[in-house]
Amino acid sequence: MRRIRTAAAAVLVLCLALAGCGGGGASTAAGGKVTLRFTWWGNADRAARTEQAVAAFEKAHPDIDIQTSYSTYESYKQKLATQAAGGDVPDLIQLDYRQISQYAGAEILLDLNTRRRTLPTKEMDSGLLKTGQVGGVQYALPMGVGTQAMAYDRTAWRKAGLATPKPGWTWDDWVSAARKLKAAGYERPMTDPGQMEDWFEVWLRGQGKRLYGKDGQTAFGAADLARFWTFVSELRREGLVSRAEDTTQMAGGAVEDSPMGRKRAVAEFNWDAPSAGYEALYGDRLALAPMPAGPDGTPGQYYKPSMLLGIAADSAHPREAALFIDFLLNSDKAADILGVDRGTPVNDRQRARVLPKVTGFQQQVAGLQESLQGKLKDPPAAPPRGDNGLQSTFGRDYDQVSFEQASPREVAEDFLTEARTELRP
């Protein structure tokens, strides 16, 4: 896979050097109106808010037209990889923290330092800005601040006689809650977290360990991963987490495909802002809680850029693309529309303006982050190139464990063998 990506990047670089080899997808209509393509992943609520923000920008800039499209995260990842290999990257690219290294190193993203006049960042946290840098070059800007969370049905929680989870509750507390929920009549109340590398990382950090070392290689052993998978497998056999056939349907990343999204669980892990996708099903019964901590209360979750936004290196209209990013991140109008849909605002002034005014589920996102202020450890450095693909491998490998086709130890060793190949410099 690494050789394929390298070859694809080389083809793309050569393609950009040749006249008429396409790129960016931006165009200028006969009347001089600039058209930019903007793609992202998300749910219907995010799509509605994003379209409102786009409409507000186009009203303020009638000479610029933004063509939009969105999909689930997994579909988006695959489509973007195909577009990058084919030299057809959209002008404006939404990126996950785990994708920066992959695309920054392939001459696909523009160096945003060239757009400083149209991309003011003085009201953004300098540490957060670094999450969009590779080798000291700013390739993307964070769109918001997010953290991991547990979404749950508060009615089920109360029926089981459970107290609201507070920062510092542990994985043992989480298991205890699952047993009480089952006793209260909720079959398999928790979604199995074994399929997601994200939740393994939280579990690992709660024990003082981490996914990657400074050398860009895995910093955990097969025994660590096997212990995590053994832990969740025992819960599955006890009937506390989702069945394998339900867990594996989460591969697309959409809330609608998850056990809780299909009302086959009453709690599952997600990121804070995207958990709004459950609201259509649960209404005011939906609540957010911190992730479970390690045995001694050490938190495993952390603040991270909820996502980042970059500009295609070959965009025909980088100035207009930068104007749009500036509007999304810094304007009062966009902040009022987006609220905390992509995490709490990265712009400090907008954060102070928006948080006191959010309503409904967005109040819970803001409240969760406020409850964790000063309690979380520093976030890890951006994952190395190759981790983006390993996320999918992690889920596929866990399917072998959940369907009991192989032991946790066997699959963990296979995963680390593939990781060493995928992460090779």
Protein backbone atom coordinates (compact mmCIF):
# COMPACT_ATOMS: atom_id res chain seq x y z
CA MET A 1 0.00 0.00 0.00
CA ARG A 2 2.90 2.32 0.77
CA ARG A 3 4.40 1.70 -2.68
CA ILE A 4 1.03 2.41 -4.30
CA ARG A 5 0.68 5.72 -2.43
CA THR A 6 4.23 6.72 -3.30
CA ALA A 7 3.65 5.92 -6.94
CA ALA A 8 0.35 7.77 -6.92
CA ALA A 9 2.00 10.82 -5.39
CA ALA A 10 4.76 10.72 -8.01
CA VAL A 11 2.21 10.50 -10.80
CA LEU A 12 0.32 13.42 -9.31
CA VAL A 13 3.44 15.59 -9.05
CA LEU A 14 4.35 14.79 -12.67
CA CYS A 15 0.77 15.43 -13.73
CA LEU A 16 0.74 18.87 -12.13
CA ALA A 17 3.93 19.75 -13.96
CA LEU A 18 2.34 19.06 -17.33
CA ALA A 19 0.08 21.60 -18.98
CA GLY A 20 -3.58 20.63 -19.18
CA CYS A 21 -3.40 17.76 -16.71
CA GLY A 22 -6.38 18.89 -14.66
CA GLY A 23 -6.40 19.79 -11.00
CA GLY A 24 -8.30 21.35 -8.19
CA GLY A 25 -11.63 21.39 -9.89
CA ALA A 26 -11.90 25.17 -9.51
CA SER A 27 -13.11 27.09 -12.54
CA THR A 28 -14.02 30.55 -13.68
CA ALA A 29 -17.37 30.94 -15.40
CA ALA A 30 -17.88 33.10 -18.45
CA GLY A 31 -19.08 35.98 -16.30
CA GLY A 32 -15.90 35.90 -14.21
CA LYS A 33 -17.50 34.03 -11.27
CA VAL A 34 -15.07 31.72 -9.48
CA THR A 35 -16.25 28.21 -8.62
CA LEU A 36 -14.61 26.23 -5.80
CA ARG A 37 -15.25 22.65 -4.72
CA PHE A 38 -15.58 21.96 -1.00
CA THR A 39 -15.98 18.41 0.33
CA TRP A 40 -16.36 17.13 3.88
CA TRP A 41 -17.64 14.23 5.96
CA GLY A 42 -20.45 14.44 8.45
CA ASN A 43 -24.13 13.85 9.14
CA ALA A 44 -27.33 15.56 7.99
CA ASP A 45 -27.19 18.18 10.76
CA ARG A 46 -23.65 19.17 9.79
CA ALA A 47 -24.68 19.30 6.13
CA ALA A 48 -27.57 21.66 6.88
CA ARG A 49 -25.41 24.01 8.94
CA THR A 50 -22.58 23.91 6.42
CA GLU A 51 -24.92 24.77 3.55
CA GLN A 52 -26.25 27.73 5.55
CA ALA A 53 -22.69 28.97 6.13
CA VAL A 54 -21.86 28.52 2.43
CA ALA A 55 -24.96 30.49 1.45
CA ALA A 56 -23.95 33.32 3.82
CA PHE A 57 -20.44 33.41 2.32
CA GLU A 58 -21.78 33.46 -1.26
CA LYS A 59 -24.10 36.31 -0.34
CA ALA A 60 -21.13 38.29 0.99
CA HIS A 61 -19.01 37.27 -2.03
CA PRO A 62 -21.35 37.08 -5.03
CA ASP A 63 -18.39 36.50 -7.37
CA ILE A 64 -17.59 33.14 -5.71
CA ASP A 65 -19.65 29.96 -5.99
CA ILE A 66 -18.99 27.02 -3.60
CA GLN A 67 -19.93 23.56 -4.86
CA THR A 68 -20.38 21.23 -1.88
CA SER A 69 -20.59 17.51 -1.24
CA TYR A 70 -20.35 15.30 1.85
CA SER A 71 -20.41 11.63 2.87
CA THR A 72 -19.63 9.38 5.81
CA TYR A 73 -16.06 9.42 7.09
CA GLU A 74 -14.96 6.08 5.60
CA SER A 75 -16.48 6.90 2.20
CA TYR A 76 -14.88 10.33 2.31
CA LYS A 77 -11.43 8.88 3.07
CA GLN A 78 -11.63 6.48 0.16
CA LYS A 79 -12.91 9.09 -2.29
CA LEU A 80 -10.24 11.62 -1.31
CA ALA A 81 -7.49 9.03 -1.77
CA THR A 82 -8.81 8.24 -5.25
CA GLN A 83 -9.03 11.94 -6.14
CA ALA A 84 -5.48 12.54 -4.91
CA ALA A 85 -4.13 9.68 -6.99
CA GLY A 86 -5.99 10.97 -10.04
CA GLY A 87 -5.01 14.63 -9.71
CA ASP A 88 -8.58 15.76 -9.05
CA VAL A 89 -8.43 17.04 -5.46
CA PRO A 90 -11.17 19.53 -4.45
CA ASP A 91 -10.07 23.11 -3.78
CA LEU A 92 -11.07 22.94 -0.11
CA ILE A 93 -10.32 19.74 1.76
CA GLN A 94 -11.59 18.73 5.19
CA LEU A 95 -9.00 16.55 6.89
CA ASP A 96 -8.79 14.46 10.00
CA TYR A 97 -5.84 14.81 12.37
CA ARG A 98 -4.68 11.40 11.14
CA GLN A 99 -4.62 12.45 7.47
CA ILE A 100 -2.31 15.45 7.63
CA SER A 101 0.97 13.56 7.31
CA GLN A 102 -0.40 11.49 4.43
CA TYR A 103 -1.36 14.41 2.23
CA ALA A 104 1.13 17.06 3.32
CA GLY A 105 4.00 14.87 2.18
CA ALA A 106 2.59 14.25 -1.30
CA GLU A 107 2.46 17.86 -2.60
CA ILE A 108 -1.32 17.76 -2.45
CA LEU A 109 -1.83 20.51 0.16
CA LEU A 110 -0.91 24.16 -0.25
CA ASP A 111 1.57 25.80 2.14
CA LEU A 112 -0.84 28.18 3.92
CA ASN A 113 1.98 30.51 4.90
CA THR A 114 1.61 31.85 1.36
CA ARG A 115 -1.94 32.98 2.28
CA ARG A 116 -1.16 34.82 5.52
CA ARG A 117 -2.90 38.02 4.46
CA THR A 118 -6.20 36.25 3.87
CA LEU A 119 -5.87 33.73 6.71
CA PRO A 120 -5.44 35.62 10.01
CA THR A 121 -4.66 33.24 12.88
CA LYS A 122 -3.72 35.58 15.73
CA GLU A 123 -6.89 34.67 17.69
CA MET A 124 -6.14 30.93 17.55
CA ASP A 125 -4.21 28.91 20.10
CA SER A 126 -0.63 28.44 18.86
CA GLY A 127 -0.49 24.86 20.14
CA LEU A 128 -3.63 23.94 18.24
CA LEU A 129 -2.31 25.56 15.08
CA LYS A 130 0.68 23.21 15.20
CA THR A 131 -1.63 20.25 14.70
CA GLY A 132 -1.96 21.38 11.08
CA GLN A 133 1.79 21.54 10.55
CA VAL A 134 4.20 18.99 9.12
CA GLY A 135 7.89 19.78 9.18
CA GLY A 136 7.10 23.30 10.41
CA VAL A 137 4.91 24.07 7.37
CA GLN A 138 1.26 25.04 7.96
CA TYR A 139 -0.75 22.82 5.61
CA ALA A 140 -4.16 23.10 7.28
CA LEU A 141 -6.01 25.02 9.97
CA PRO A 142 -8.09 23.41 12.73
CA MET A 143 -11.81 24.02 12.33
CA GLY A 144 -12.72 23.35 15.94
CA VAL A 145 -11.76 21.68 19.19
CA GLY A 146 -13.19 18.26 19.99
CA THR A 147 -12.72 15.34 22.34
CA GLN A 148 -13.80 11.73 22.71
CA ALA A 149 -17.07 11.09 24.57
CA MET A 150 -19.70 8.53 25.51
CA ALA A 151 -23.17 9.23 24.12
CA TYR A 152 -25.94 7.59 26.13
CA ASP A 153 -29.68 7.43 26.72
CA ARG A 154 -30.20 9.24 30.01
CA THR A 155 -33.63 7.62 30.50
CA ALA A 156 -32.05 4.14 30.44
CA TRP A 157 -29.34 5.38 32.79
CA ARG A 158 -31.90 6.60 35.32
CA LYS A 159 -34.00 3.43 35.03
CA ALA A 160 -30.89 1.43 36.00
CA GLY A 161 -30.34 3.69 39.01
CA LEU A 162 -27.02 4.99 37.65
CA ALA A 163 -25.46 8.33 38.55
CA THR A 164 -24.31 10.69 35.80
CA PRO A 165 -20.72 9.74 34.79
CA LYS A 166 -18.19 12.33 35.92
CA PRO A 167 -14.57 12.97 34.85
CA GLY A 168 -12.37 10.30 36.41
CA TRP A 169 -14.86 7.43 36.24
CA THR A 170 -12.98 4.29 35.21
CA TRP A 171 -13.30 1.40 32.81
CA ASP A 172 -14.33 -0.74 35.79
CA ASP A 173 -17.11 1.77 36.47
CA TRP A 174 -18.15 1.51 32.83
CA VAL A 175 -18.40 -2.29 33.09
CA SER A 176 -20.37 -1.98 36.33
CA ALA A 177 -22.79 0.40 34.59
CA ALA A 178 -23.24 -2.08 31.74
CA ARG A 179 -24.15 -4.84 34.21
CA LYS A 180 -26.73 -2.63 35.93
CA LEU A 181 -28.22 -1.63 32.58
CA LYS A 182 -28.53 -5.27 31.59
CA ALA A 183 -30.17 -6.08 34.94
CA ALA A 184 -32.65 -3.26 34.25
CA GLY A 185 -33.74 -5.03 31.05
CA TYR A 186 -31.42 -3.55 28.42
CA GLU A 187 -29.93 -6.35 26.35
CA ARG A 188 -26.30 -5.71 25.32
CA PRO A 189 -26.46 -2.08 26.53
CA MET A 190 -23.01 -0.93 25.36
CA THR A 191 -21.57 -0.84 21.84
CA ASP A 192 -18.42 -2.96 21.60
CA PRO A 193 -15.42 -0.54 21.50
CA GLY A 194 -13.01 -3.20 20.24
CA GLN A 195 -13.32 -2.28 16.56
CA MET A 196 -12.00 1.28 16.87
CA GLU A 197 -8.36 2.25 17.18
CA ASP A 198 -9.56 5.54 18.71
CA TRP A 199 -11.03 3.80 21.75
CA PHE A 200 -8.02 1.51 22.12
CA GLU A 201 -5.86 4.63 22.24
CA VAL A 202 -7.98 6.10 25.06
CA TRP A 203 -7.71 2.80 26.98
CA LEU A 204 -3.95 2.68 26.34
CA ARG A 205 -3.31 6.30 27.40
CA GLY A 206 -5.26 5.70 30.61
CA GLN A 207 -2.52 3.22 31.52
CA GLY A 208 0.26 5.68 30.81
CA LYS A 209 1.07 4.31 27.35
CA ARG A 210 0.62 5.67 23.82
CA LEU A 211 0.02 4.57 20.25
CA TYR A 212 3.17 5.97 18.63
CA GLY A 213 6.68 6.88 19.66
CA LYS A 214 8.80 9.76 18.42
CA ASP A 215 10.20 7.46 15.74
CA GLY A 216 6.76 7.16 14.14
CA GLN A 217 6.44 3.48 15.05
CA THR A 218 3.96 1.79 17.37
CA ALA A 219 4.80 2.31 21.05
CA PHE A 220 2.69 -0.59 22.35
CA GLY A 221 3.17 -4.33 22.11
CA ALA A 222 1.03 -7.26 20.99
CA ALA A 223 0.35 -8.04 24.67
CA ASP A 224 -1.26 -4.59 25.16
CA LEU A 225 -3.59 -4.95 22.18
CA ALA A 226 -4.40 -8.59 23.03
CA ARG A 227 -5.31 -7.53 26.57
CA PHE A 228 -7.71 -4.87 25.27
CA TRP A 229 -9.35 -7.24 22.82
CA THR A 230 -9.58 -9.96 25.46
CA PHE A 231 -11.22 -7.47 27.83
CA VAL A 232 -13.97 -6.48 25.36
CA SER A 233 -14.41 -10.08 24.16
CA GLU A 234 -15.22 -11.21 27.69
CA LEU A 235 -17.84 -8.45 27.87
CA ARG A 236 -19.31 -9.60 24.56
CA ARG A 237 -19.63 -13.18 25.85
CA GLU A 238 -21.28 -11.83 29.00
CA GLY A 239 -23.85 -10.03 26.85
CA LEU A 240 -22.80 -6.53 27.90
CA VAL A 241 -21.62 -5.21 24.51
CA SER A 242 -22.96 -5.57 20.98
CA ARG A 243 -22.87 -8.79 19.00
CA ALA A 244 -20.19 -9.17 16.33
CA GLU A 245 -22.73 -8.93 13.49
CA ASP A 246 -23.94 -5.57 14.86
CA THR A 247 -20.47 -4.18 15.61
CA THR A 248 -19.10 -4.93 12.15
CA GLN A 249 -21.84 -2.85 10.51
CA MET A 250 -20.16 0.26 11.94
CA ALA A 251 -17.47 0.10 9.26
CA GLY A 252 -19.01 3.05 7.38
CA GLY A 253 -18.69 5.33 10.40
CA ALA A 254 -22.27 6.66 10.23
CA VAL A 255 -24.35 6.91 13.40
CA GLU A 256 -27.21 5.24 11.52
CA ASP A 257 -25.10 2.08 11.13
CA SER A 258 -24.10 1.81 14.78
CA PRO A 259 -25.83 -0.31 17.43
CA MET A 260 -26.98 2.77 19.35
CA GLY A 261 -28.09 4.40 16.10
CA ARG A 262 -30.22 1.33 15.42
CA LYS A 263 -31.45 1.24 19.04
CA ARG A 264 -29.60 -1.97 19.82
CA ALA A 265 -27.52 -0.29 22.54
CA VAL A 266 -28.13 2.59 24.93
CA ALA A 267 -24.55 3.89 25.11
CA GLU A 268 -21.57 4.03 22.78
CA PHE A 269 -18.35 5.95 22.28
CA ASN A 270 -18.12 8.71 19.69
CA TRP A 271 -16.60 12.16 19.34
CA ASP A 272 -18.45 14.95 21.11
CA ALA A 273 -19.80 17.11 18.26
CA PRO A 274 -20.62 14.25 15.82
CA SER A 275 -22.76 12.70 18.57
CA ALA A 276 -25.43 15.18 17.45
CA GLY A 277 -26.30 12.50 14.90
CA TYR A 278 -28.12 10.56 17.66
CA GLU A 279 -30.39 13.49 18.49
CA ALA A 280 -32.97 12.68 15.83
CA LEU A 281 -33.50 9.30 17.51
CA TYR A 282 -33.19 10.19 21.19
CA GLY A 283 -34.16 13.84 21.47
CA ASP A 284 -33.67 15.24 24.96
CA ARG A 285 -32.90 11.73 26.27
CA LEU A 286 -29.47 12.02 24.62
CA ALA A 287 -26.58 12.90 26.93
CA LEU A 288 -22.78 13.05 26.79
CA ALA A 289 -20.26 11.80 29.32
CA PRO A 290 -16.45 11.74 29.56
CA MET A 291 -14.59 8.63 28.42
CA PRO A 292 -13.66 6.10 31.12
CA ALA A 293 -10.25 6.72 32.71
CA GLY A 294 -7.48 4.32 33.71
CA PRO A 295 -7.48 2.32 36.97
CA ASP A 296 -6.00 5.23 38.94
CA GLY A 297 -8.17 7.88 37.25
CA THR A 298 -5.58 8.80 34.59
CA PRO A 299 -7.55 10.23 31.65
CA GLY A 300 -6.98 8.68 28.25
CA GLN A 301 -8.99 11.16 26.22
CA TYR A 302 -7.59 14.48 25.03
CA TYR A 303 -8.48 17.66 23.19
CA LYS A 304 -7.70 17.55 19.50
CA PRO A 305 -8.64 19.45 16.39
CA SER A 306 -12.06 18.07 15.52
CA MET A 307 -10.96 18.36 11.90
CA LEU A 308 -8.79 20.62 9.79
CA LEU A 309 -9.28 22.48 6.53
CA GLY A 310 -6.69 22.82 3.79
CA ILE A 311 -6.40 24.11 0.23
CA ALA A 312 -5.36 21.97 -2.74
CA ALA A 313 -1.83 22.77 -3.89
CA ASP A 314 -3.04 22.99 -7.49
CA SER A 315 -6.17 25.07 -6.83
CA ALA A 316 -6.57 27.70 -9.52
CA HIS A 317 -8.02 30.11 -6.95
CA PRO A 318 -6.11 29.87 -3.65
CA ARG A 319 -6.96 33.46 -2.68
CA GLU A 320 -10.70 32.82 -2.87
CA ALA A 321 -10.29 29.49 -1.09
CA ALA A 322 -8.42 31.26 1.72
CA LEU A 323 -11.20 33.85 1.96
CA PHE A 324 -13.71 31.06 2.50
CA ILE A 325 -11.61 29.43 5.23
CA ASP A 326 -11.19 32.80 6.93
CA PHE A 327 -14.98 33.24 6.83
CA LEU A 328 -15.66 29.80 8.36
CA LEU A 329 -13.12 30.16 11.17
CA ASN A 330 -13.16 33.84 12.03
CA SER A 331 -16.48 35.49 11.07
CA ASP A 332 -19.35 36.15 13.46
CA LYS A 333 -21.85 34.99 10.84
CA ALA A 334 -20.31 31.54 10.33
CA ALA A 335 -19.74 31.06 14.07
CA ASP A 336 -23.40 31.77 14.80
CA ILE A 337 -24.51 29.26 12.14
CA LEU A 338 -22.06 26.45 12.88
CA GLY A 339 -22.10 26.73 16.67
CA VAL A 340 -20.14 23.74 17.96
CA ASP A 341 -21.12 21.42 15.09
CA ARG A 342 -17.44 20.88 14.20
CA GLY A 343 -16.30 21.19 17.79
CA THR A 344 -16.06 24.35 19.84
CA PRO A 345 -14.69 27.30 17.83
CA VAL A 346 -10.93 27.44 17.37
CA ASN A 347 -11.01 31.24 17.29
CA ASP A 348 -10.81 32.41 20.92
CA ARG A 349 -13.07 35.42 20.35
CA GLN A 350 -15.71 33.33 18.61
CA ARG A 351 -15.48 30.69 21.32
CA ALA A 352 -16.27 33.33 23.97
CA ARG A 353 -19.17 34.62 21.83
CA VAL A 354 -20.71 31.30 20.86
CA LEU A 355 -20.56 29.05 23.92
CA PRO A 356 -22.92 31.11 26.12
CA LYS A 357 -25.50 31.12 23.30
CA VAL A 358 -25.62 27.49 22.17
CA THR A 359 -28.82 25.56 22.80
CA GLY A 360 -30.04 21.98 22.76
CA PHE A 361 -27.46 19.26 22.29
CA GLN A 362 -24.73 21.79 21.54
CA GLN A 363 -24.96 22.88 25.18
CA GLN A 364 -23.90 19.38 26.15
CA VAL A 365 -20.86 19.51 23.87
CA ALA A 366 -19.83 22.82 25.42
CA GLY A 367 -20.58 21.54 28.93
CA LEU A 368 -18.52 18.37 28.45
CA GLN A 369 -15.49 20.34 27.30
CA GLU A 370 -15.82 22.80 30.15
CA SER A 371 -16.03 19.93 32.67
CA LEU A 372 -12.72 18.60 31.38
CA GLN A 373 -10.79 21.87 31.44
CA GLY A 374 -7.47 21.38 33.23
CA LYS A 375 -8.02 17.63 33.63
CA LEU A 376 -6.67 16.21 30.36
CA LYS A 377 -3.10 15.44 29.37
CA ASP A 378 -1.48 16.99 26.29
CA PRO A 379 -2.60 15.49 22.98
CA PRO A 380 -0.18 13.25 21.08
CA ALA A 381 1.67 14.48 18.03
CA ALA A 382 -0.15 14.01 14.71
CA PRO A 383 -0.02 10.31 13.81
CA PRO A 384 2.59 9.25 11.23
CA ARG A 385 1.80 8.61 7.60
CA GLY A 386 0.30 5.15 7.37
CA ASP A 387 -1.90 5.40 10.45
CA ASN A 388 -4.86 6.47 8.32
CA GLY A 389 -4.84 3.08 6.59
CA LEU A 390 -4.16 1.24 9.83
CA GLN A 391 -7.43 2.55 11.28
CA SER A 392 -9.32 0.47 8.73
CA THR A 393 -7.00 -2.50 9.27
CA PHE A 394 -7.67 -2.31 13.02
CA GLY A 395 -11.42 -2.70 12.47
CA ARG A 396 -11.07 -5.52 9.96
CA ASP A 397 -8.67 -7.39 12.23
CA TYR A 398 -11.00 -7.06 15.19
CA ASP A 399 -13.75 -8.69 13.15
CA GLN A 400 -11.67 -11.88 13.30
CA VAL A 401 -11.63 -11.59 17.08
CA SER A 402 -15.32 -10.74 17.52
CA PHE A 403 -16.43 -13.56 15.23
CA GLU A 404 -13.98 -15.81 17.13
CA GLN A 405 -12.07 -16.82 14.01
CA ALA A 406 -8.73 -16.26 15.77
CA SER A 407 -7.46 -15.44 19.25
CA PRO A 408 -6.83 -11.83 20.36
CA ARG A 409 -3.10 -12.57 20.67
CA GLU A 410 -2.81 -14.02 17.16
CA VAL A 411 -4.65 -11.12 15.56
CA ALA A 412 -2.73 -8.53 17.63
CA GLU A 413 0.58 -9.95 16.41
CA ASP A 414 -0.66 -9.90 12.81
CA PHE A 415 -1.78 -6.28 13.21
CA LEU A 416 1.63 -5.17 14.51
CA THR A 417 3.39 -7.00 11.67
CA GLU A 418 1.30 -5.05 9.16
CA ALA A 419 1.81 -1.83 11.12
CA ARG A 420 5.59 -2.16 10.90
CA THR A 421 5.30 -2.46 7.12
CA GLU A 422 2.76 0.35 6.77
CA LEU A 423 4.72 2.74 8.99
CA ARG A 424 8.09 2.06 7.38
CA PRO A 425 9.82 5.42 6.63
